[in-house]
PDB file of N, CA and C in Angstrom:
ATOM      1  N   UNK A   1     -31.237  -7.779  -8.402  1.00  0.00           N
ATOM      2  CA  UNK A   1     -30.390  -6.117  -7.354  1.00  0.00           C
ATOM      3  C   UNK A   1     -28.770  -6.826  -7.092  1.00  0.00           C
ATOM      4  N   UNK A   2     -28.062  -6.015  -7.204  1.00  0.00           N
ATOM      5  CA  UNK A   2     -26.663  -6.046  -7.365  1.00  0.00           C
ATOM      6  C   UNK A   2     -25.964  -6.428  -6.300  1.00  0.00           C
ATOM      7  N   UNK A   3     -25.222  -7.020  -5.854  1.00  0.00           N
ATOM      8  CA  UNK A   3     -24.846  -7.496  -4.340  1.00  0.00           C
ATOM      9  C   UNK A   3     -23.459  -6.321  -4.449  1.00  0.00           C
ATOM     10  N   UNK A   4     -22.913  -6.087  -5.865  1.00  0.00           N
ATOM     11  CA  UNK A   4     -21.582  -4.853  -5.783  1.00  0.00           C
ATOM     12  C   UNK A   4     -21.726  -3.588  -5.348  1.00  0.00           C
ATOM     13  N   UNK A   5     -23.061  -3.149  -5.529  1.00  0.00           N
ATOM     14  CA  UNK A   5     -23.376  -2.331  -5.516  1.00  0.00           C
ATOM     15  C   UNK A   5     -22.540  -1.105  -3.661  1.00  0.00           C
ATOM     16  N   UNK A   6     -21.755   0.055  -4.215  1.00  0.00           N
ATOM     17  CA  UNK A   6     -21.683   0.365  -3.232  1.00  0.00           C
ATOM     18  C   UNK A   6     -20.037   0.201  -3.139  1.00  0.00           C
ATOM     19  N   UNK A   7     -19.475  -1.309  -3.299  1.00  0.00           N
ATOM     20  CA  UNK A   7     -18.235  -1.933  -2.884  1.00  0.00           C
ATOM     21  C   UNK A   7     -17.081  -0.888  -3.925  1.00  0.00           C
ATOM     22  N   UNK A   8     -16.186  -0.998  -2.839  1.00  0.00           N
ATOM     23  CA  UNK A   8     -14.927  -0.439  -3.899  1.00  0.00           C
ATOM     24  C   UNK A   8     -14.610  -0.945  -5.141  1.00  0.00           C
ATOM     25  N   UNK A   9     -13.661  -0.489  -5.999  1.00  0.00           N
ATOM     26  CA  UNK A   9     -13.012  -1.320  -6.942  1.00  0.00           C
ATOM     27  C   UNK A   9     -11.657  -1.351  -6.937  1.00  0.00           C
ATOM     28  N   UNK A  10     -11.228  -1.546  -7.224  1.00  0.00           N
ATOM     29  CA  UNK A  10      -9.455  -1.789  -7.440  1.00  0.00           C
ATOM     30  C   UNK A  10      -8.546  -1.670  -8.774  1.00  0.00           C
ATOM     31  N   UNK A  11      -7.600  -1.492  -9.111  1.00  0.00           N
ATOM     32  CA  UNK A  11      -6.342  -1.099  -9.820  1.00  0.00           C
ATOM     33  C   UNK A  11      -5.437  -1.061  -9.817  1.00  0.00           C
ATOM     34  N   UNK A  12      -5.345  -2.550  -9.661  1.00  0.00           N
ATOM     35  CA  UNK A  12      -3.370  -3.023  -9.547  1.00  0.00           C
ATOM     36  C   UNK A  12      -3.290  -2.554 -10.500  1.00  0.00           C
ATOM     37  N   UNK A  13      -1.464  -2.003 -10.027  1.00  0.00           N
ATOM     38  CA  UNK A  13      -0.369  -1.377 -11.143  1.00  0.00           C
ATOM     39  C   UNK A  13       0.737  -2.524 -10.948  1.00  0.00           C
ATOM     40  N   UNK A  14       1.242  -3.285 -11.909  1.00  0.00           N
ATOM     41  CA  UNK A  14       2.942  -4.227 -11.702  1.00  0.00           C
ATOM     42  C   UNK A  14       3.273  -3.229 -12.655  1.00  0.00           C
ATOM     43  N   UNK A  15       4.845  -3.703 -12.353  1.00  0.00           N
ATOM     44  CA  UNK A  15       5.780  -2.536 -13.262  1.00  0.00           C
ATOM     45  C   UNK A  15       6.988  -3.846 -12.877  1.00  0.00           C
ATOM     46  N   UNK A  16       8.022  -3.789 -14.303  1.00  0.00           N
ATOM     47  CA  UNK A  16       9.234  -3.862 -13.786  1.00  0.00           C
ATOM     48  C   UNK A  16       9.536  -3.166 -15.243  1.00  0.00           C
ATOM     49  N   UNK A  17      11.090  -3.388 -14.888  1.00  0.00           N
ATOM     50  CA  UNK A  17      12.027  -2.291 -15.325  1.00  0.00           C
ATOM     51  C   UNK A  17      12.903  -3.092 -16.836  1.00  0.00           C
ATOM     52  N   UNK A  18      12.788  -4.078 -17.017  1.00  0.00           N
ATOM     53  CA  UNK A  18      13.571  -5.158 -18.235  1.00  0.00           C
ATOM     54  C   UNK A  18      12.956  -6.408 -18.497  1.00  0.00           C
ATOM     55  N   UNK A  19      12.698  -6.399 -19.614  1.00  0.00           N
ATOM     56  CA  UNK A  19      12.251  -7.802 -20.402  1.00  0.00           C
ATOM     57  C   UNK A  19      11.686  -9.099 -20.364  1.00  0.00           C
ATOM     58  N   UNK A  20      13.198  -9.178 -19.622  1.00  0.00           N
ATOM     59  CA  UNK A  20      13.082 -10.573 -18.945  1.00  0.00           C
ATOM     60  C   UNK A  20      12.738 -10.533 -17.696  1.00  0.00           C
ATOM     61  N   UNK A  21      12.455 -10.049 -16.963  1.00  0.00           N
ATOM     62  CA  UNK A  21      11.925  -9.250 -15.548  1.00  0.00           C
ATOM     63  C   UNK A  21      10.231 -10.472 -15.245  1.00  0.00           C
ATOM     64  N   UNK A  22       9.932 -10.140 -14.846  1.00  0.00           N
ATOM     65  CA  UNK A  22       8.169 -10.476 -14.433  1.00  0.00           C
ATOM     66  C   UNK A  22       7.741  -9.829 -13.077  1.00  0.00           C
ATOM     67  N   UNK A  23       6.038  -9.907 -13.667  1.00  0.00           N
ATOM     68  CA  UNK A  23       5.791  -9.340 -12.963  1.00  0.00           C
ATOM     69  C   UNK A  23       4.707  -9.989 -11.970  1.00  0.00           C
ATOM     70  N   UNK A  24       5.141 -11.685 -12.014  1.00  0.00           N
ATOM     71  CA  UNK A  24       4.017 -12.338 -11.563  1.00  0.00           C
ATOM     72  C   UNK A  24       4.008 -11.839 -10.195  1.00  0.00           C
ATOM     73  N   UNK A  25       5.301 -12.260  -9.701  1.00  0.00           N
ATOM     74  CA  UNK A  25       5.671 -12.352  -8.105  1.00  0.00           C
ATOM     75  C   UNK A  25       4.597 -10.849  -7.359  1.00  0.00           C
ATOM     76  N   UNK A  26       4.773 -10.200  -8.037  1.00  0.00           N
ATOM     77  CA  UNK A  26       4.027  -8.774  -7.513  1.00  0.00           C
ATOM     78  C   UNK A  26       2.277  -8.795  -7.934  1.00  0.00           C
ATOM     79  N   UNK A  27       2.103  -9.606  -9.081  1.00  0.00           N
ATOM     80  CA  UNK A  27       0.686  -9.406  -9.216  1.00  0.00           C
ATOM     81  C   UNK A  27      -0.132 -10.889  -8.647  1.00  0.00           C
ATOM     82  N   UNK A  28       0.402 -11.407  -8.037  1.00  0.00           N
ATOM     83  CA  UNK A  28       0.006 -12.235  -7.349  1.00  0.00           C
ATOM     84  C   UNK A  28      -0.140 -11.692  -5.762  1.00  0.00           C
ATOM     85  N   UNK A  29       0.623 -11.308  -5.338  1.00  0.00           N
ATOM     86  CA  UNK A  29      -0.299  -9.987  -4.110  1.00  0.00           C
ATOM     87  C   UNK A  29      -0.910  -9.589  -4.746  1.00  0.00           C
ATOM     88  N   UNK A  30      -1.600  -8.706  -5.578  1.00  0.00           N
ATOM     89  CA  UNK A  30      -2.661  -7.583  -5.603  1.00  0.00           C
ATOM     90  C   UNK A  30      -3.766  -8.810  -6.243  1.00  0.00           C
ATOM     91  N   UNK A  31      -3.296  -9.779  -6.623  1.00  0.00           N
ATOM     92  CA  UNK A  31      -5.116  -9.851  -7.285  1.00  0.00           C
ATOM     93  C   UNK A  31      -5.355 -10.905  -5.613  1.00  0.00           C
ATOM     94  N   UNK A  32      -4.029 -11.406  -4.831  1.00  0.00           N
ATOM     95  CA  UNK A  32      -5.238 -12.220  -3.917  1.00  0.00           C
ATOM     96  C   UNK A  32      -5.643 -10.274  -2.788  1.00  0.00           C
ATOM     97  N   UNK A  33      -4.802  -9.538  -2.717  1.00  0.00           N
ATOM     98  CA  UNK A  33      -5.205  -8.295  -2.164  1.00  0.00           C
ATOM     99  C   UNK A  33      -7.064  -8.220  -2.850  1.00  0.00           C
ATOM    100  N   UNK A  34      -6.787  -7.597  -4.320  1.00  0.00           N
ATOM    101  CA  UNK A  34      -8.208  -7.009  -5.161  1.00  0.00           C
ATOM    102  C   UNK A  34      -9.427  -8.099  -4.914  1.00  0.00           C
ATOM    103  N   UNK A  35      -9.347  -9.583  -5.337  1.00  0.00           N
ATOM    104  CA  UNK A  35      -9.539 -10.553  -4.937  1.00  0.00           C
ATOM    105  C   UNK A  35     -11.244 -10.223  -3.688  1.00  0.00           C
ATOM    106  N   UNK A  36     -10.693  -9.277  -2.839  1.00  0.00           N
ATOM    107  CA  UNK A  36     -11.631  -8.434  -2.088  1.00  0.00           C
ATOM    108  C   UNK A  36     -13.003  -7.739  -2.769  1.00  0.00           C
ATOM    109  N   UNK A  37     -12.533  -7.207  -3.406  1.00  0.00           N
ATOM    110  CA  UNK A  37     -13.487  -6.065  -3.992  1.00  0.00           C
ATOM    111  C   UNK A  37     -14.180  -6.302  -5.043  1.00  0.00           C
ATOM    112  N   UNK A  38     -14.829  -5.016  -5.186  1.00  0.00           N
ATOM    113  CA  UNK A  38     -16.394  -5.874  -6.079  1.00  0.00           C
ATOM    114  C   UNK A  38     -15.769  -5.410  -7.875  1.00  0.00           C
ATOM    115  N   UNK A  39     -14.590  -4.388  -8.149  1.00  0.00           N
ATOM    116  CA  UNK A  39     -14.124  -4.635  -9.544  1.00  0.00           C
ATOM    117  C   UNK A  39     -13.056  -4.115  -9.545  1.00  0.00           C
ATOM    118  N   UNK A  40     -11.848  -5.228 -10.270  1.00  0.00           N
ATOM    119  CA  UNK A  40     -11.006  -4.833 -10.810  1.00  0.00           C
ATOM    120  C   UNK A  40      -9.742  -4.772 -11.813  1.00  0.00           C
ATOM    121  N   UNK A  41      -9.551  -3.943 -12.499  1.00  0.00           N
ATOM    122  CA  UNK A  41      -8.547  -3.901 -13.495  1.00  0.00           C
ATOM    123  C   UNK A  41      -7.045  -3.311 -13.835  1.00  0.00           C
ATOM    124  N   UNK A  42      -6.257  -5.094 -14.420  1.00  0.00           N
ATOM    125  CA  UNK A  42      -5.108  -4.659 -13.401  1.00  0.00           C
ATOM    126  C   UNK A  42      -4.160  -4.015 -14.765  1.00  0.00           C
ATOM    127  N   UNK A  43      -3.336  -3.153 -14.207  1.00  0.00           N
ATOM    128  CA  UNK A  43      -2.515  -2.224 -15.426  1.00  0.00           C
ATOM    129  C   UNK A  43      -0.971  -2.780 -15.533  1.00  0.00           C
ATOM    130  N   UNK A  44      -0.686  -3.289 -16.128  1.00  0.00           N
ATOM    131  CA  UNK A  44       1.238  -3.949 -16.261  1.00  0.00           C
ATOM    132  C   UNK A  44       1.714  -3.893 -16.925  1.00  0.00           C
ATOM    133  N   UNK A  45       2.735  -2.633 -17.086  1.00  0.00           N
ATOM    134  CA  UNK A  45       4.051  -2.770 -17.811  1.00  0.00           C
ATOM    135  C   UNK A  45       5.109  -3.459 -17.833  1.00  0.00           C
ATOM    136  N   UNK A  46       6.092  -4.074 -18.984  1.00  0.00           N
ATOM    137  CA  UNK A  46       7.145  -4.700 -18.693  1.00  0.00           C
ATOM    138  C   UNK A  46       8.201  -3.225 -19.376  1.00  0.00           C
ATOM    139  N   UNK A  47       9.430  -3.688 -18.766  1.00  0.00           N
ATOM    140  CA  UNK A  47      10.384  -2.923 -19.506  1.00  0.00           C
ATOM    141  C   UNK A  47      10.008  -1.634 -19.479  1.00  0.00           C
ATOM    142  N   UNK A  48       9.403  -1.025 -19.109  1.00  0.00           N
ATOM    143  CA  UNK A  48       9.259   0.522 -18.550  1.00  0.00           C
ATOM    144  C   UNK A  48      10.087   1.189 -17.508  1.00  0.00           C
ATOM    145  N   UNK A  49      10.907   1.396 -17.319  1.00  0.00           N
ATOM    146  CA  UNK A  49      11.580   2.241 -16.309  1.00  0.00           C
ATOM    147  C   UNK A  49      11.003   2.876 -15.233  1.00  0.00           C
ATOM    148  N   UNK A  50      11.264   2.978 -13.933  1.00  0.00           N
ATOM    149  CA  UNK A  50      10.858   3.524 -13.546  1.00  0.00           C
ATOM    150  C   UNK A  50      10.786   5.527 -12.988  1.00  0.00           C
ATOM    151  N   UNK A  51      12.128   5.060 -14.159  1.00  0.00           N
ATOM    152  CA  UNK A  51      12.713   7.144 -13.939  1.00  0.00           C
ATOM    153  C   UNK A  51      12.428   7.553 -15.173  1.00  0.00           C
ATOM    154  N   UNK A  52      11.206   6.666 -15.843  1.00  0.00           N
ATOM    155  CA  UNK A  52      10.821   7.630 -17.132  1.00  0.00           C
ATOM    156  C   UNK A  52       9.104   8.237 -16.632  1.00  0.00           C
ATOM    157  N   UNK A  53       9.367   9.506 -17.619  1.00  0.00           N
ATOM    158  CA  UNK A  53       8.324  10.187 -16.823  1.00  0.00           C
ATOM    159  C   UNK A  53       7.192   9.412 -17.537  1.00  0.00           C
ATOM    160  N   UNK A  54       6.954   8.844 -18.291  1.00  0.00           N
ATOM    161  CA  UNK A  54       5.599   8.091 -19.243  1.00  0.00           C
ATOM    162  C   UNK A  54       5.737   7.229 -19.069  1.00  0.00           C
ATOM    163  N   UNK A  55       4.614   6.523 -18.675  1.00  0.00           N
ATOM    164  CA  UNK A  55       4.296   4.694 -18.277  1.00  0.00           C
ATOM    165  C   UNK A  55       3.032   5.008 -18.636  1.00  0.00           C
ATOM    166  N   UNK A  56       3.015   4.225 -20.561  1.00  0.00           N
ATOM    167  CA  UNK A  56       1.718   4.161 -20.361  1.00  0.00           C
ATOM    168  C   UNK A  56       0.821   3.519 -19.614  1.00  0.00           C
ATOM    169  N   UNK A  57       0.659   2.746 -18.986  1.00  0.00           N
ATOM    170  CA  UNK A  57       0.062   1.494 -18.181  1.00  0.00           C
ATOM    171  C   UNK A  57      -0.698   2.769 -16.731  1.00  0.00           C
ATOM    172  N   UNK A  58       0.412   3.513 -16.981  1.00  0.00           N
ATOM    173  CA  UNK A  58       0.604   4.276 -15.382  1.00  0.00           C
ATOM    174  C   UNK A  58      -0.348   5.230 -15.385  1.00  0.00           C
ATOM    175  N   UNK A  59      -0.246   6.148 -17.015  1.00  0.00           N
ATOM    176  CA  UNK A  59      -0.773   7.315 -17.275  1.00  0.00           C
ATOM    177  C   UNK A  59      -2.682   6.826 -17.263  1.00  0.00           C
ATOM    178  N   UNK A  60      -2.341   5.674 -18.194  1.00  0.00           N
ATOM    179  CA  UNK A  60      -3.727   5.446 -18.403  1.00  0.00           C
ATOM    180  C   UNK A  60      -4.625   5.196 -16.835  1.00  0.00           C
ATOM    181  N   UNK A  61      -4.014   4.617 -15.764  1.00  0.00           N
ATOM    182  CA  UNK A  61      -4.327   4.456 -14.525  1.00  0.00           C
ATOM    183  C   UNK A  61      -5.007   5.761 -14.032  1.00  0.00           C
ATOM    184  N   UNK A  62      -4.226   7.140 -13.827  1.00  0.00           N
ATOM    185  CA  UNK A  62      -4.245   7.888 -13.781  1.00  0.00           C
ATOM    186  C   UNK A  62      -5.552   8.769 -14.632  1.00  0.00           C
ATOM    187  N   UNK A  63      -5.419   8.620 -15.769  1.00  0.00           N
ATOM    188  CA  UNK A  63      -6.699   8.828 -16.394  1.00  0.00           C
ATOM    189  C   UNK A  63      -7.896   8.587 -16.258  1.00  0.00           C
ATOM    190  N   UNK A  64      -7.873   7.195 -16.081  1.00  0.00           N
ATOM    191  CA  UNK A  64      -9.420   6.961 -15.014  1.00  0.00           C
ATOM    192  C   UNK A  64      -9.773   7.383 -14.029  1.00  0.00           C
ATOM    193  N   UNK A  65      -9.426   8.175 -13.355  1.00  0.00           N
ATOM    194  CA  UNK A  65      -9.531   8.992 -12.113  1.00  0.00           C
ATOM    195  C   UNK A  65      -9.921   7.867 -11.663  1.00  0.00           C
ATOM    196  N   UNK A  66      -7.782   8.187 -10.470  1.00  0.00           N
ATOM    197  CA  UNK A  66      -7.419   7.935  -9.569  1.00  0.00           C
ATOM    198  C   UNK A  66      -8.111   8.386  -8.527  1.00  0.00           C
ATOM    199  N   UNK A  67      -8.316   9.571  -8.311  1.00  0.00           N
ATOM    200  CA  UNK A  67      -9.267   9.990  -6.948  1.00  0.00           C
ATOM    201  C   UNK A  67      -9.822  10.834  -7.579  1.00  0.00           C
ATOM    202  N   UNK A  68     -11.467  10.420  -7.458  1.00  0.00           N
ATOM    203  CA  UNK A  68     -12.632  11.428  -8.239  1.00  0.00           C
ATOM    204  C   UNK A  68     -12.492  12.692  -7.347  1.00  0.00           C
ATOM    205  N   UNK A  69     -12.465  13.256  -5.597  1.00  0.00           N
ATOM    206  CA  UNK A  69     -12.254  13.968  -5.033  1.00  0.00           C
ATOM    207  C   UNK A  69     -11.221  14.936  -4.417  1.00  0.00           C
ATOM    208  N   UNK A  70     -11.353  15.305  -3.635  1.00  0.00           N
ATOM    209  CA  UNK A  70     -10.184  15.356  -2.796  1.00  0.00           C
ATOM    210  C   UNK A  70      -9.852  14.666  -1.705  1.00  0.00           C
ATOM    211  N   UNK A  71     -11.385  14.400  -1.466  1.00  0.00           N
ATOM    212  CA  UNK A  71     -11.864  13.539  -0.150  1.00  0.00           C
ATOM    213  C   UNK A  71     -11.393  12.029  -0.802  1.00  0.00           C
ATOM    214  N   UNK A  72     -11.864  11.778  -1.407  1.00  0.00           N
ATOM    215  CA  UNK A  72     -11.385  10.174  -1.669  1.00  0.00           C
ATOM    216  C   UNK A  72     -10.058   9.794  -1.858  1.00  0.00           C
ATOM    217  N   UNK A  73      -9.042  10.881  -3.006  1.00  0.00           N
ATOM    218  CA  UNK A  73      -8.174  10.924  -2.801  1.00  0.00           C
ATOM    219  C   UNK A  73      -7.267  10.913  -1.283  1.00  0.00           C
ATOM    220  N   UNK A  74      -7.714  11.909  -0.719  1.00  0.00           N
ATOM    221  CA  UNK A  74      -7.002  10.874   1.390  1.00  0.00           C
ATOM    222  C   UNK A  74      -7.454   9.913   1.529  1.00  0.00           C
ATOM    223  N   UNK A  75      -8.462   9.815   1.453  1.00  0.00           N
ATOM    224  CA  UNK A  75      -9.146   8.384   1.524  1.00  0.00           C
ATOM    225  C   UNK A  75      -8.133   7.363   1.233  1.00  0.00           C
ATOM    226  N   UNK A  76      -8.022   7.060   0.023  1.00  0.00           N
ATOM    227  CA  UNK A  76      -7.044   6.234  -0.474  1.00  0.00           C
ATOM    228  C   UNK A  76      -5.433   6.517  -0.334  1.00  0.00           C
ATOM    229  N   UNK A  77      -4.861   7.690   0.380  1.00  0.00           N
ATOM    230  CA  UNK A  77      -3.887   7.922   1.082  1.00  0.00           C
ATOM    231  C   UNK A  77      -3.731   7.248   2.148  1.00  0.00           C
ATOM    232  N   UNK A  78      -5.155   7.601   3.378  1.00  0.00           N
ATOM    233  CA  UNK A  78      -5.025   6.640   4.621  1.00  0.00           C
ATOM    234  C   UNK A  78      -4.788   5.099   4.313  1.00  0.00           C
ATOM    235  N   UNK A  79      -5.690   4.508   2.906  1.00  0.00           N
ATOM    236  CA  UNK A  79      -5.677   2.854   3.204  1.00  0.00           C
ATOM    237  C   UNK A  79      -4.211   2.728   2.320  1.00  0.00           C
ATOM    238  N   UNK A  80      -3.420   3.342   1.830  1.00  0.00           N
ATOM    239  CA  UNK A  80      -2.572   3.317   1.753  1.00  0.00           C
ATOM    240  C   UNK A  80      -1.264   3.092   2.521  1.00  0.00           C
ATOM    241  N   UNK A  81      -1.488   4.355   3.670  1.00  0.00           N
ATOM    242  CA  UNK A  81      -0.756   3.756   4.794  1.00  0.00           C
ATOM    243  C   UNK A  81      -0.997   2.690   5.874  1.00  0.00           C
ATOM    244  N   UNK A  82      -2.112   1.790   6.160  1.00  0.00           N
ATOM    245  CA  UNK A  82      -2.953   1.086   6.494  1.00  0.00           C
ATOM    246  C   UNK A  82      -2.139   0.239   5.870  1.00  0.00           C
ATOM    247  N   UNK A  83      -2.046  -0.234   4.845  1.00  0.00           N
ATOM    248  CA  UNK A  83      -1.348  -0.943   3.984  1.00  0.00           C
ATOM    249  C   UNK A  83      -0.033  -1.746   4.762  1.00  0.00           C
ATOM    250  N   UNK A  84       0.787  -0.787   5.314  1.00  0.00           N
ATOM    251  CA  UNK A  84       2.017  -0.848   6.090  1.00  0.00           C
ATOM    252  C   UNK A  84       3.326  -0.309   4.767  1.00  0.00           C
ATOM    253  N   UNK A  85       4.487  -0.549   5.175  1.00  0.00           N
ATOM    254  CA  UNK A  85       5.329  -0.351   4.374  1.00  0.00           C
ATOM    255  C   UNK A  85       5.179   1.168   3.294  1.00  0.00           C
ATOM    256  N   UNK A  86       4.095   2.000   3.565  1.00  0.00           N
ATOM    257  CA  UNK A  86       4.284   3.078   2.893  1.00  0.00           C
ATOM    258  C   UNK A  86       4.741   4.135   3.509  1.00  0.00           C
ATOM    259  N   UNK A  87       5.549   4.655   3.335  1.00  0.00           N
ATOM    260  CA  UNK A  87       6.323   6.542   3.785  1.00  0.00           C
ATOM    261  C   UNK A  87       5.705   7.184   3.193  1.00  0.00           C
ATOM    262  N   UNK A  88       4.548   8.348   3.605  1.00  0.00           N
ATOM    263  CA  UNK A  88       3.100   9.006   3.263  1.00  0.00           C
ATOM    264  C   UNK A  88       3.431   9.503   4.770  1.00  0.00           C
ATOM    265  N   UNK A  89       3.834  11.475   4.323  1.00  0.00           N
ATOM    266  CA  UNK A  89       3.849  12.300   5.412  1.00  0.00           C
ATOM    267  C   UNK A  89       2.224  12.345   5.733  1.00  0.00           C
ATOM    268  N   UNK A  90       2.143  12.635   7.047  1.00  0.00           N
ATOM    269  CA  UNK A  90       0.699  12.411   7.567  1.00  0.00           C
ATOM    270  C   UNK A  90       0.021  13.551   6.749  1.00  0.00           C
ATOM    271  N   UNK A  91      -1.048  13.920   5.903  1.00  0.00           N
ATOM    272  CA  UNK A  91      -1.265  15.049   5.044  1.00  0.00           C
ATOM    273  C   UNK A  91      -2.576  16.128   5.718  1.00  0.00           C
ATOM    274  N   UNK A  92      -2.467  15.875   7.639  1.00  0.00           N
ATOM    275  CA  UNK A  92      -3.726  16.424   8.105  1.00  0.00           C
ATOM    276  C   UNK A  92      -2.950  17.063   9.164  1.00  0.00           C
TER     277      UNK A  92
END
């Protein structure tokens, strides 16, 4: 039997705007956080500005179903809020 059954998965996303920057520091923290999850799949973009409407890795992450339902989305937003530093408005 799989001991990971029922555990959440995580998809860390890191991005830097220019080719001379590195995602390494972001990824260190994200990987440390992801270690507590059953599965993870990283999405990393280098040289992609935040103002760009289309970011290939972020688009792929969102295509891979960030939230499977409204309840899942709400739970995820609450998880983000609990991590601290997130300025999310109350949704309830």
